[in-house]
Amino acid sequence: MAVRIAQLSCGTEYSGVQDEINKAAERVGGEIVFPEIDVELIEEACDEIGYHPRSANLRVLLARAYALANGYADADAAFILTCFRCAEGALVRNEARRYLQQNTDIPVVTYSFTEDLDAGELLTRMEALVTIVERRGLLARKKQEGLTLGIDSGSTTTKAVVMEDDEVIGTGWVRTTKVIESAEKAVNEALEEAGYSLDDIQAIGVTGYGRFTLGEHFDADLVQEELTVNSKGTVYLGDKQEGGATVIDVGGMDNKAITVWDGIPDNFTMGGICAGASGRFLEVAADRIGVDIEEFGKIALEGDPEKVRLDSYCIVFGIQDLVTALAEGADPKDVAAAACYSVAEQVYEQQLQEIDIREPVFFVGGSSLIDGMVKALQDVIGVEVKVPPYSQFIGAVGAALLASNFI
């Protein structure tokens, strides 16, 4: 039976993205439904939620959220979409999300779409929604058992982890070039460190951009999108599988912010305007300054971000600002600090504004190893940021943990 995904949206039918939404849902075993409402319910909903949009379509969006929360309509999950150009749409999107999270236990995803919709990003969100509904038992696993292998095929790096009886015993980390070749190298590194061969592995889990290719190549038991896998790996390594938490993942190409309750994600957002808001910008900045990324993170701690202005919403203009600052004699330490704060501010503006931050806040992904980035993120959001062990292997750890369900 298909997972019923309630669509609460404005403008999708006019922007040409509705067909893509339907296709993505169908591909992952979901069915888009539109909660039925009557006219009287619209004003009642706006009064209850405490916001009266000018747009009729946005009022309908709130009414559908109200209908779900009060039993007038039924669905397994909710997908809230508005156009990224609409300021009122952004406000309504968040009001509907908060209302549903406060009054229901269904997973909720928000999305600001453009006419040129990113089908891959949309598919990942839909896949995560269906996974949360269908595999709550799988996601509830708190302990890894047996001998399992997890592979995370990321945009810039490929990671592999071997786990045995709730312990990481081998890791591999290589640059992503050819998806299969990079994965094989990472797997061999992890197996060599663990002292096992591939034939010894009892179950394999894969995630990341190349998950479907690697799932077929390795005959994986688990092929899973990175949102649920990364959140599971984080709360496992952070020893916070009960209650709430927030996961921030700054990757090489995109970012993710996820809220988790009892180890299961209940809201998330991903993406970014440009690679200027990702770890890739920090790599470019480090290269321009002439230091490796580890040293870049250390000197950023000594710099003053207020002395250099970087506008890295676009990686091209961000680099231009960086080059100009260095040419004008700016201290490389100040430039490094400014780059970290620029990325942190964008994570806050683009991702964290669409979730309600729950403590503890965990920072994972390769960028979590950059000391200056950890400090910048902590300063920007105003709460302590924790980096769990093996934070750069978080997707592979989550995949290895969940794969033990199949032993």
Protein backbone atom coordinates (compact mmCIF):
# COMPACT_ATOMS: atom_id res chain seq x y z
CA MET A 1 0.00 0.00 0.00
CA ALA A 2 1.40 3.40 -0.99
CA VAL A 3 2.45 5.88 1.68
CA ARG A 4 -0.04 8.77 1.65
CA ILE A 5 1.85 12.07 1.46
CA ALA A 6 -0.33 15.12 2.07
CA GLN A 7 0.77 17.97 -0.18
CA LEU A 8 0.28 21.42 1.36
CA SER A 9 1.42 23.89 -1.27
CA CYS A 10 0.93 27.08 -3.21
CA GLY A 11 1.77 27.60 -6.86
CA THR A 12 3.00 24.16 -7.88
CA GLU A 13 0.31 23.81 -10.53
CA TYR A 14 1.32 27.11 -12.16
CA SER A 15 5.10 26.68 -12.05
CA GLY A 16 5.23 23.36 -13.86
CA VAL A 17 6.70 21.39 -10.94
CA GLN A 18 3.63 19.34 -9.98
CA ASP A 19 4.42 16.57 -12.45
CA GLU A 20 7.91 16.21 -10.96
CA ILE A 21 6.44 16.02 -7.46
CA ASN A 22 4.05 13.26 -8.53
CA LYS A 23 6.83 11.34 -10.30
CA ALA A 24 9.15 11.53 -7.29
CA ALA A 25 6.44 10.27 -4.94
CA GLU A 26 5.50 7.41 -7.25
CA ARG A 27 9.14 6.37 -7.68
CA VAL A 28 9.62 5.86 -3.93
CA GLY A 29 6.26 4.23 -3.26
CA GLY A 30 4.35 7.31 -2.18
CA GLU A 31 1.02 8.77 -3.23
CA ILE A 32 0.36 12.52 -3.24
CA VAL A 33 -2.98 13.44 -1.66
CA PHE A 34 -4.62 16.83 -1.12
CA PRO A 35 -6.59 17.00 2.16
CA GLU A 36 -10.18 17.98 1.47
CA ILE A 37 -11.48 21.09 3.23
CA ASP A 38 -14.55 23.31 3.09
CA VAL A 39 -14.75 27.09 3.06
CA GLU A 40 -15.74 27.39 6.72
CA LEU A 41 -12.62 25.49 7.77
CA ILE A 42 -10.30 28.05 6.16
CA GLU A 43 -11.12 30.92 8.54
CA GLU A 44 -11.26 28.53 11.48
CA ALA A 45 -7.77 27.28 10.60
CA CYS A 46 -6.30 30.76 10.20
CA ASP A 47 -7.77 31.82 13.55
CA GLU A 48 -6.42 28.72 15.28
CA ILE A 49 -2.93 28.93 13.78
CA GLY A 50 -2.88 32.68 14.33
CA TYR A 51 -1.94 33.85 10.85
CA HIS A 52 -4.19 35.23 8.07
CA PRO A 53 -2.30 35.24 4.74
CA ARG A 54 -3.34 37.59 1.99
CA SER A 55 -3.03 34.83 -0.59
CA ALA A 56 -6.08 32.59 -0.92
CA ASN A 57 -3.86 29.64 -1.83
CA LEU A 58 -1.78 30.11 1.30
CA ARG A 59 -4.93 30.21 3.42
CA VAL A 60 -5.91 26.89 1.86
CA LEU A 61 -2.45 25.55 2.73
CA LEU A 62 -2.99 26.42 6.39
CA ALA A 63 -6.48 24.91 6.30
CA ARG A 64 -5.10 21.63 5.02
CA ALA A 65 -2.55 21.57 7.85
CA TYR A 66 -5.39 22.25 10.29
CA ALA A 67 -7.47 19.46 8.76
CA LEU A 68 -4.63 16.96 9.19
CA ALA A 69 -3.98 17.99 12.79
CA ASN A 70 -7.64 17.81 13.81
CA GLY A 71 -8.68 14.56 12.17
CA TYR A 72 -10.65 16.02 9.27
CA ALA A 73 -8.17 14.44 6.85
CA ASP A 74 -5.70 11.57 7.02
CA ALA A 75 -2.14 11.07 5.73
CA ASP A 76 1.09 9.30 6.70
CA ALA A 77 3.36 12.30 6.09
CA ALA A 78 3.21 15.94 5.03
CA PHE A 79 5.11 17.79 2.30
CA ILE A 80 4.87 21.59 2.50
CA LEU A 81 5.94 23.55 -0.59
CA THR A 82 5.94 27.23 -1.53
CA CYS A 83 7.84 29.27 -4.11
CA PHE A 84 11.25 30.50 -2.93
CA ARG A 85 10.45 33.98 -4.28
CA CYS A 86 7.44 34.44 -1.99
CA ALA A 87 8.21 35.92 1.43
CA GLU A 88 4.69 35.31 2.70
CA GLY A 89 4.93 31.75 1.43
CA ALA A 90 8.05 31.19 3.56
CA LEU A 91 6.23 32.47 6.65
CA VAL A 92 3.19 30.28 6.02
CA ARG A 93 5.36 27.25 5.27
CA ASN A 94 7.00 27.51 8.67
CA GLU A 95 3.74 28.21 10.50
CA ALA A 96 2.16 25.10 8.95
CA ARG A 97 5.23 23.02 9.82
CA ARG A 98 5.26 24.13 13.44
CA TYR A 99 1.53 23.53 13.81
CA LEU A 100 1.76 20.00 12.42
CA GLN A 101 4.77 19.12 14.55
CA GLN A 102 3.05 20.40 17.68
CA ASN A 103 -0.20 18.58 17.00
CA THR A 104 0.68 15.39 15.11
CA ASP A 105 3.39 12.73 15.04
CA ILE A 106 3.66 12.51 11.26
CA PRO A 107 6.99 13.41 9.59
CA VAL A 108 7.01 16.81 7.90
CA VAL A 109 9.24 18.14 5.12
CA THR A 110 9.36 21.72 3.87
CA TYR A 111 10.62 22.80 0.46
CA SER A 112 10.94 26.12 -1.38
CA PHE A 113 10.79 25.31 -5.07
CA THR A 114 11.81 27.09 -8.25
CA GLU A 115 10.52 26.69 -11.79
CA ASP A 116 13.74 24.77 -12.51
CA LEU A 117 13.11 22.17 -9.83
CA ASP A 118 16.01 19.97 -8.67
CA ALA A 119 14.55 16.51 -9.31
CA GLY A 120 17.36 14.72 -7.43
CA GLU A 121 16.94 16.81 -4.31
CA LEU A 122 13.17 16.38 -4.46
CA LEU A 123 13.56 12.61 -4.80
CA THR A 124 15.81 12.47 -1.73
CA ARG A 125 13.20 14.27 0.37
CA MET A 126 10.40 12.02 -0.85
CA GLU A 127 12.49 8.92 -0.24
CA ALA A 128 13.23 10.06 3.30
CA LEU A 129 9.55 10.69 4.02
CA VAL A 130 8.56 7.22 2.83
CA THR A 131 11.44 5.62 4.75
CA ILE A 132 10.40 7.27 8.02
CA VAL A 133 6.83 6.01 7.60
CA GLU A 134 7.62 2.49 6.38
CA ARG A 135 10.77 1.74 8.34
CA ARG A 136 10.27 3.18 11.80
CA GLY A 137 11.31 -0.17 13.23
CA LEU A 138 14.53 -0.14 11.23
CA LEU A 139 15.33 3.45 12.22
CA ALA A 140 14.66 2.66 15.87
CA ARG A 141 17.68 0.32 16.02
CA LYS A 142 20.06 1.50 18.74
CA LYS A 143 22.84 -1.06 18.55
CA GLN A 144 24.91 -2.53 15.73
CA GLU A 145 25.35 -6.28 15.75
CA GLY A 146 27.43 -8.70 13.71
CA LEU A 147 29.93 -7.63 11.05
CA THR A 148 28.62 -4.98 8.67
CA LEU A 149 29.96 -2.56 6.07
CA GLY A 150 28.65 0.94 5.43
CA ILE A 151 29.52 3.00 2.32
CA ASP A 152 28.75 6.68 1.79
CA SER A 153 29.25 7.83 -1.80
CA GLY A 154 29.42 11.61 -1.37
CA SER A 155 29.81 14.37 -3.92
CA THR A 156 33.49 14.99 -3.09
CA THR A 157 34.56 12.05 -0.92
CA THR A 158 33.63 8.41 -0.53
CA LYS A 159 33.69 6.89 2.94
CA ALA A 160 33.54 3.30 4.16
CA VAL A 161 33.21 1.90 7.68
CA VAL A 162 33.40 -1.63 9.02
CA MET A 163 31.54 -2.23 12.29
CA GLU A 164 31.56 -5.28 14.52
CA ASP A 165 29.31 -5.72 17.54
CA ASP A 166 28.64 -2.00 18.12
CA GLU A 167 32.19 -0.80 17.44
CA VAL A 168 33.88 0.88 14.46
CA ILE A 169 36.90 -1.25 13.61
CA GLY A 170 37.90 0.03 10.17
CA THR A 171 37.53 3.19 8.08
CA GLY A 172 38.31 4.27 4.53
CA TRP A 173 38.24 7.76 3.00
CA VAL A 174 39.04 8.66 -0.62
CA ARG A 175 38.21 11.41 -3.10
CA THR A 176 35.20 10.63 -5.26
CA THR A 177 36.18 10.28 -8.91
CA LYS A 178 34.61 7.25 -10.55
CA VAL A 179 31.84 6.13 -8.19
CA ILE A 180 32.54 2.38 -8.17
CA GLU A 181 36.32 2.72 -8.27
CA SER A 182 36.34 5.20 -5.39
CA ALA A 183 34.04 3.00 -3.33
CA GLU A 184 36.20 -0.05 -3.87
CA LYS A 185 39.27 1.87 -2.68
CA ALA A 186 37.50 3.13 0.42
CA VAL A 187 36.13 -0.35 1.19
CA ASN A 188 39.56 -1.95 0.80
CA GLU A 189 41.07 0.59 3.21
CA ALA A 190 38.37 -0.10 5.79
CA LEU A 191 38.63 -3.88 5.42
CA GLU A 192 42.42 -3.81 5.68
CA GLU A 193 42.26 -1.78 8.90
CA ALA A 194 39.57 -4.09 10.30
CA GLY A 195 41.47 -7.24 9.34
CA TYR A 196 38.64 -8.78 7.34
CA SER A 197 37.83 -9.53 3.71
CA LEU A 198 34.65 -8.60 1.85
CA ASP A 199 33.54 -12.23 2.01
CA ASP A 200 33.44 -11.99 5.81
CA ILE A 201 30.91 -9.14 5.80
CA GLN A 202 27.40 -10.19 6.84
CA ALA A 203 25.45 -7.17 5.57
CA ILE A 204 26.16 -4.03 3.52
CA GLY A 205 24.48 -0.64 3.63
CA VAL A 206 25.04 2.16 1.09
CA THR A 207 24.01 5.81 1.00
CA GLY A 208 24.89 9.10 -0.71
CA TYR A 209 24.74 10.32 -4.28
CA GLY A 210 26.02 7.04 -5.73
CA ARG A 211 23.88 4.77 -3.57
CA PHE A 212 21.87 3.19 -6.39
CA THR A 213 24.97 2.40 -8.45
CA LEU A 214 26.81 0.99 -5.44
CA GLY A 215 23.75 -0.85 -4.18
CA GLU A 216 23.73 -2.86 -7.38
CA HIS A 217 27.52 -3.26 -7.56
CA PHE A 218 27.91 -4.55 -3.99
CA ASP A 219 24.51 -6.29 -3.87
CA ALA A 220 23.77 -4.19 -0.79
CA ASP A 221 21.17 -5.18 1.78
CA LEU A 222 20.30 -1.52 2.49
CA VAL A 223 20.16 1.29 -0.09
CA GLN A 224 19.09 4.44 1.71
CA GLU A 225 19.06 8.21 1.19
CA GLU A 226 21.44 10.20 3.36
CA LEU A 227 18.95 12.18 5.45
CA THR A 228 17.72 9.27 7.54
CA VAL A 229 21.07 7.47 7.50
CA ASN A 230 23.09 10.52 8.57
CA SER A 231 20.70 11.42 11.36
CA LYS A 232 20.78 7.84 12.65
CA GLY A 233 24.56 7.71 12.54
CA THR A 234 24.81 11.03 14.36
CA VAL A 235 22.56 10.25 17.31
CA TYR A 236 24.23 6.84 17.60
CA LEU A 237 27.76 8.24 17.78
CA GLY A 238 26.59 11.23 19.83
CA ASP A 239 24.95 8.88 22.35
CA LYS A 240 21.65 10.71 22.05
CA GLN A 241 19.13 8.17 20.81
CA GLU A 242 16.45 9.25 23.26
CA GLY A 243 14.63 12.58 23.09
CA GLY A 244 15.39 15.41 20.71
CA ALA A 245 18.48 16.57 18.84
CA THR A 246 19.51 18.60 15.79
CA VAL A 247 21.92 17.42 13.11
CA ILE A 248 23.80 19.90 10.92
CA ASP A 249 25.72 18.37 8.02
CA VAL A 250 27.84 20.74 5.91
CA GLY A 251 28.90 18.68 2.91
CA GLY A 252 31.08 19.23 -0.10
CA MET A 253 28.18 20.33 -2.31
CA ASP A 254 25.11 20.79 -0.13
CA ASN A 255 24.01 21.08 3.48
CA LYS A 256 21.41 19.36 5.62
CA ALA A 257 19.67 20.33 8.83
CA ILE A 258 17.63 17.62 10.53
CA THR A 259 15.60 17.49 13.72
CA VAL A 260 15.43 14.09 15.40
CA TRP A 261 13.22 12.59 18.08
CA ASP A 262 14.11 9.24 19.65
CA GLY A 263 16.52 8.56 16.80
CA ILE A 264 13.96 9.17 14.04
CA PRO A 265 14.03 12.36 11.91
CA ASP A 266 10.79 14.34 11.94
CA ASN A 267 11.78 17.40 9.91
CA PHE A 268 14.65 18.26 7.64
CA THR A 269 15.80 20.67 4.99
CA MET A 270 18.64 20.40 2.54
CA GLY A 271 20.39 22.19 -0.28
CA GLY A 272 21.74 25.70 -0.61
CA ILE A 273 21.72 28.57 -3.05
CA CYS A 274 25.22 27.76 -4.27
CA ALA A 275 28.37 25.84 -3.36
CA GLY A 276 29.45 29.07 -1.66
CA ALA A 277 27.45 27.83 1.33
CA SER A 278 29.20 24.46 1.47
CA GLY A 279 32.49 22.85 2.39
CA ARG A 280 33.69 23.30 -1.17
CA PHE A 281 34.01 27.06 -0.62
CA LEU A 282 36.22 26.45 2.41
CA GLU A 283 38.46 24.16 0.36
CA VAL A 284 38.82 26.83 -2.31
CA ALA A 285 39.56 29.47 0.33
CA ALA A 286 42.24 27.29 1.94
CA ASP A 287 43.86 26.66 -1.44
CA ARG A 288 43.90 30.38 -2.22
CA ILE A 289 45.52 31.20 1.11
CA GLY A 290 48.06 28.42 0.50
CA VAL A 291 47.36 26.08 3.44
CA ASP A 292 45.75 22.67 3.78
CA ILE A 293 42.21 22.49 5.11
CA GLU A 294 43.30 21.40 8.60
CA GLU A 295 45.64 24.36 8.97
CA PHE A 296 42.95 26.62 7.50
CA GLY A 297 40.64 25.66 10.35
CA LYS A 298 43.30 26.39 12.95
CA ILE A 299 44.26 29.84 11.65
CA ALA A 300 40.58 30.75 11.36
CA LEU A 301 40.37 30.46 15.15
CA GLU A 302 42.98 33.23 15.42
CA GLY A 303 41.37 35.56 12.87
CA ASP A 304 38.79 38.33 13.17
CA PRO A 305 35.91 37.78 10.72
CA GLU A 306 34.74 41.39 11.15
CA LYS A 307 37.83 42.66 9.33
CA VAL A 308 36.98 40.98 6.01
CA ARG A 309 33.68 40.97 4.14
CA LEU A 310 32.93 37.85 2.11
CA ASP A 311 29.74 37.36 0.12
CA SER A 312 29.83 33.65 -0.63
CA TYR A 313 26.17 33.13 -1.52
CA CYS A 314 27.73 32.45 -4.91
CA ILE A 315 31.05 30.65 -4.85
CA VAL A 316 32.30 32.71 -7.79
CA PHE A 317 31.63 36.05 -6.10
CA GLY A 318 32.82 34.67 -2.78
CA ILE A 319 36.19 33.83 -4.31
CA GLN A 320 36.28 37.25 -5.94
CA ASP A 321 35.78 38.90 -2.53
CA LEU A 322 38.44 36.64 -1.06
CA VAL A 323 41.00 37.46 -3.77
CA THR A 324 40.26 41.18 -3.43
CA ALA A 325 40.71 41.06 0.35
CA LEU A 326 44.06 39.30 0.06
CA ALA A 327 45.22 41.70 -2.66
CA GLU A 328 44.39 44.62 -0.37
CA GLY A 329 46.62 43.18 2.32
CA ALA A 330 44.12 41.40 4.56
CA ASP A 331 45.60 38.96 7.06
CA PRO A 332 45.04 35.36 5.86
CA LYS A 333 43.83 34.50 9.37
CA ASP A 334 41.05 37.10 9.09
CA VAL A 335 40.14 35.82 5.62
CA ALA A 336 39.92 32.25 6.91
CA ALA A 337 37.73 33.33 9.82
CA ALA A 338 35.47 35.36 7.51
CA ALA A 339 35.05 32.38 5.16
CA CYS A 340 33.97 30.14 8.04
CA TYR A 341 31.49 32.70 9.35
CA SER A 342 30.10 33.29 5.86
CA VAL A 343 29.27 29.60 5.47
CA ALA A 344 27.89 29.38 9.02
CA GLU A 345 25.62 32.38 8.46
CA GLN A 346 24.25 30.86 5.29
CA VAL A 347 23.59 27.53 6.99
CA TYR A 348 21.64 29.47 9.60
CA GLU A 349 19.70 31.53 7.06
CA GLN A 350 19.01 28.81 4.50
CA GLN A 351 18.58 25.68 6.61
CA LEU A 352 18.13 26.45 10.30
CA GLN A 353 15.35 28.98 9.72
CA GLU A 354 13.17 26.12 8.48
CA ILE A 355 13.50 23.90 11.54
CA ASP A 356 13.13 24.41 15.29
CA ILE A 357 16.58 23.87 16.77
CA ARG A 358 16.65 21.22 19.49
CA GLU A 359 19.61 20.74 21.75
CA PRO A 360 22.01 19.04 21.66
CA VAL A 361 23.15 20.29 18.28
CA PHE A 362 25.53 17.95 16.44
CA PHE A 363 27.81 19.05 13.61
CA VAL A 364 28.88 16.29 11.19
CA GLY A 365 30.42 15.82 7.75
CA GLY A 366 33.91 16.69 6.56
CA SER A 367 33.51 20.36 7.47
CA SER A 368 33.05 19.42 11.13
CA LEU A 369 36.80 18.72 11.24
CA ILE A 370 37.54 22.39 10.48
CA ASP A 371 38.03 24.02 13.89
CA GLY A 372 37.18 27.51 12.70
CA MET A 373 33.94 26.29 11.16
CA VAL A 374 32.82 24.68 14.42
CA LYS A 375 33.44 27.93 16.30
CA ALA A 376 31.71 30.02 13.64
CA LEU A 377 28.62 27.81 13.63
CA GLN A 378 28.44 27.87 17.42
CA ASP A 379 28.74 31.66 17.53
CA VAL A 380 26.14 32.19 14.80
CA ILE A 381 23.41 29.95 16.23
CA GLY A 382 24.20 30.81 19.85
CA VAL A 383 24.21 27.30 21.34
CA GLU A 384 26.89 24.71 22.00
CA VAL A 385 27.78 22.64 18.94
CA LYS A 386 29.02 19.09 19.49
CA VAL A 387 31.17 17.10 17.07
CA PRO A 388 30.71 13.36 17.67
CA PRO A 389 33.51 10.83 17.08
CA TYR A 390 33.91 9.71 13.45
CA SER A 391 31.88 12.76 12.43
CA GLN A 392 33.31 12.69 8.90
CA PHE A 393 32.14 9.06 8.48
CA ILE A 394 28.63 9.69 9.74
CA GLY A 395 26.76 8.39 6.68
CA ALA A 396 28.85 5.23 6.46
CA VAL A 397 28.38 4.58 10.18
CA GLY A 398 24.62 5.02 9.87
CA ALA A 399 24.52 2.68 6.89
CA ALA A 400 26.58 0.02 8.71
CA LEU A 401 24.38 0.34 11.80
CA LEU A 402 21.10 0.01 9.91
CA ALA A 403 22.43 -2.78 7.70
CA SER A 404 22.63 -5.03 10.76
CA ASN A 405 18.83 -5.22 10.62
CA PHE A 406 19.30 -7.56 7.66
CA ILE A 407 21.63 -10.11 9.30
